[in-house]
Amino acid sequence: MSSLPAPFTAANRSYVKSLYRRILTNELNWITQRDLWRARALTIRAEFERNRDVHDPRALAQIFDKAEAALADRKHPDPYRPPEAPDGTKWERNLPPPVGPLFDHEPYNEAHGRAGH
């Protein structure tokens, strides 16, 4: 069994929210049409709501393990990445030029006795 946070704590709540978001994101990688994805998202939400009133820590651990295993089995091999995010298709392509002068000539000229050039 994996190391899960203690039930009914803030860490457990954070874990459940993270698991929910990861499952939704993974489904969005598989289903790109939002109307079809929305129907799947409602099914996932209903599944989480069905387990909302489980108070037994062992039952919760089993539910979490089952959900993590299902997520690992359904993990998309090539998940969507926004184009400009790291590893995206446009990452560091056509970077904008730096703002400001590349080299400030006036202080250099004054320091080297070339004032007025």
Protein backbone atom coordinates (compact mmCIF):
# COMPACT_ATOMS: atom_id res chain seq x y z
CA MET A 1 0.00 0.00 0.00
CA SER A 2 1.30 3.46 -0.85
CA SER A 3 1.87 6.16 1.73
CA LEU A 4 -1.38 8.08 1.90
CA PRO A 5 -2.14 11.03 4.17
CA ALA A 6 -4.14 10.37 7.32
CA PRO A 7 -7.89 10.53 6.62
CA PHE A 8 -9.89 13.65 7.49
CA THR A 9 -6.91 16.00 7.50
CA ALA A 10 -6.01 18.95 5.30
CA ALA A 11 -3.35 16.80 3.62
CA ASN A 12 -6.00 14.19 2.76
CA ARG A 13 -8.27 16.87 1.32
CA SER A 14 -5.39 18.19 -0.77
CA TYR A 15 -4.58 14.66 -1.95
CA VAL A 16 -8.19 14.04 -3.04
CA LYS A 17 -8.30 17.34 -4.94
CA SER A 18 -5.00 16.53 -6.61
CA LEU A 19 -6.21 13.06 -7.59
CA TYR A 20 -9.43 14.53 -9.00
CA ARG A 21 -7.53 17.12 -11.06
CA ARG A 22 -5.06 14.51 -12.35
CA ILE A 23 -7.89 12.23 -13.45
CA LEU A 24 -9.72 15.09 -15.20
CA THR A 25 -6.53 16.23 -16.92
CA ASN A 26 -5.79 12.71 -18.08
CA GLU A 27 -9.30 12.37 -19.49
CA LEU A 28 -8.86 15.66 -21.33
CA ASN A 29 -5.72 14.21 -22.93
CA TRP A 30 -7.80 11.32 -24.29
CA ILE A 31 -10.96 13.25 -25.21
CA THR A 32 -10.23 16.52 -26.97
CA GLN A 33 -13.83 17.56 -27.67
CA ARG A 34 -15.06 19.50 -24.64
CA ASP A 35 -18.70 18.40 -24.94
CA LEU A 36 -17.70 14.73 -24.84
CA TRP A 37 -15.15 15.37 -22.11
CA ARG A 38 -17.74 17.20 -20.02
CA ALA A 39 -19.95 14.11 -19.94
CA ARG A 40 -16.96 12.04 -18.75
CA ALA A 41 -16.08 14.73 -16.18
CA LEU A 42 -19.59 14.51 -14.72
CA THR A 43 -19.23 10.73 -14.44
CA ILE A 44 -15.91 11.15 -12.62
CA ARG A 45 -17.45 13.74 -10.30
CA ALA A 46 -20.34 11.38 -9.51
CA GLU A 47 -17.80 8.67 -8.67
CA PHE A 48 -16.01 11.00 -6.23
CA GLU A 49 -19.33 12.11 -4.72
CA ARG A 50 -20.38 8.47 -4.25
CA ASN A 51 -17.32 7.94 -2.04
CA ARG A 52 -17.66 11.24 -0.18
CA ASP A 53 -19.23 9.76 2.95
CA VAL A 54 -16.74 6.91 3.40
CA HIS A 55 -15.28 7.32 6.90
CA ASP A 56 -13.37 4.08 7.33
CA PRO A 57 -9.63 4.75 6.84
CA ARG A 58 -9.01 1.27 5.40
CA ALA A 59 -11.86 1.63 2.92
CA LEU A 60 -10.52 5.06 1.95
CA ALA A 61 -7.05 3.60 1.38
CA GLN A 62 -8.55 0.91 -0.87
CA ILE A 63 -10.53 3.50 -2.83
CA PHE A 64 -7.43 5.67 -3.28
CA ASP A 65 -5.29 2.71 -4.34
CA LYS A 66 -7.93 1.62 -6.83
CA ALA A 67 -8.21 5.16 -8.24
CA GLU A 68 -4.42 5.53 -8.55
CA ALA A 69 -4.20 2.14 -10.30
CA ALA A 70 -6.99 3.11 -12.71
CA LEU A 71 -5.23 6.40 -13.42
CA ALA A 72 -1.93 4.62 -14.06
CA ASP A 73 -3.62 2.13 -16.39
CA ARG A 74 -5.36 4.88 -18.36
CA LYS A 75 -2.41 7.31 -18.42
CA HIS A 76 -2.05 8.92 -21.85
CA PRO A 77 1.27 8.10 -23.54
CA ASP A 78 1.58 11.56 -25.11
CA PRO A 79 -0.22 14.07 -22.85
CA TYR A 80 -1.14 17.53 -24.11
CA ARG A 81 1.28 20.29 -23.25
CA PRO A 82 0.54 23.93 -24.00
CA PRO A 83 2.75 25.04 -26.92
CA GLU A 84 4.69 27.63 -24.95
CA ALA A 85 5.14 25.50 -21.82
CA PRO A 86 8.43 23.66 -21.23
CA ASP A 87 8.55 20.71 -23.64
CA GLY A 88 5.81 22.33 -25.74
CA THR A 89 6.16 22.66 -29.51
CA LYS A 90 6.98 26.37 -29.35
CA TRP A 91 9.17 26.35 -26.22
CA GLU A 92 11.94 28.94 -26.68
CA ARG A 93 11.20 29.30 -30.37
CA ASN A 94 11.39 32.85 -31.74
CA LEU A 95 12.27 34.44 -28.43
CA PRO A 96 11.59 38.17 -28.33
CA PRO A 97 14.71 40.35 -28.38
CA PRO A 98 15.91 41.65 -25.03
CA VAL A 99 14.48 44.96 -23.93
CA GLY A 100 17.01 47.77 -23.65
CA PRO A 101 20.43 48.32 -25.18
CA LEU A 102 22.65 45.31 -25.71
CA PHE A 103 25.73 47.34 -24.80
CA ASP A 104 25.84 50.75 -23.19
CA HIS A 105 28.55 52.52 -25.21
CA GLU A 106 28.69 55.89 -23.44
CA PRO A 107 30.09 54.70 -20.05
CA TYR A 108 32.57 52.46 -21.90
CA ASN A 109 33.80 55.32 -24.08
CA GLU A 110 34.17 57.64 -21.10
CA ALA A 111 36.08 55.00 -19.12
CA HIS A 112 38.51 54.45 -21.98
CA GLY A 113 39.10 58.08 -22.89
CA ARG A 114 37.06 57.98 -26.06
CA ALA A 115 34.49 60.63 -25.15
CA GLY A 116 32.61 62.04 -28.10
CA HIS A 117 33.00 58.98 -30.33
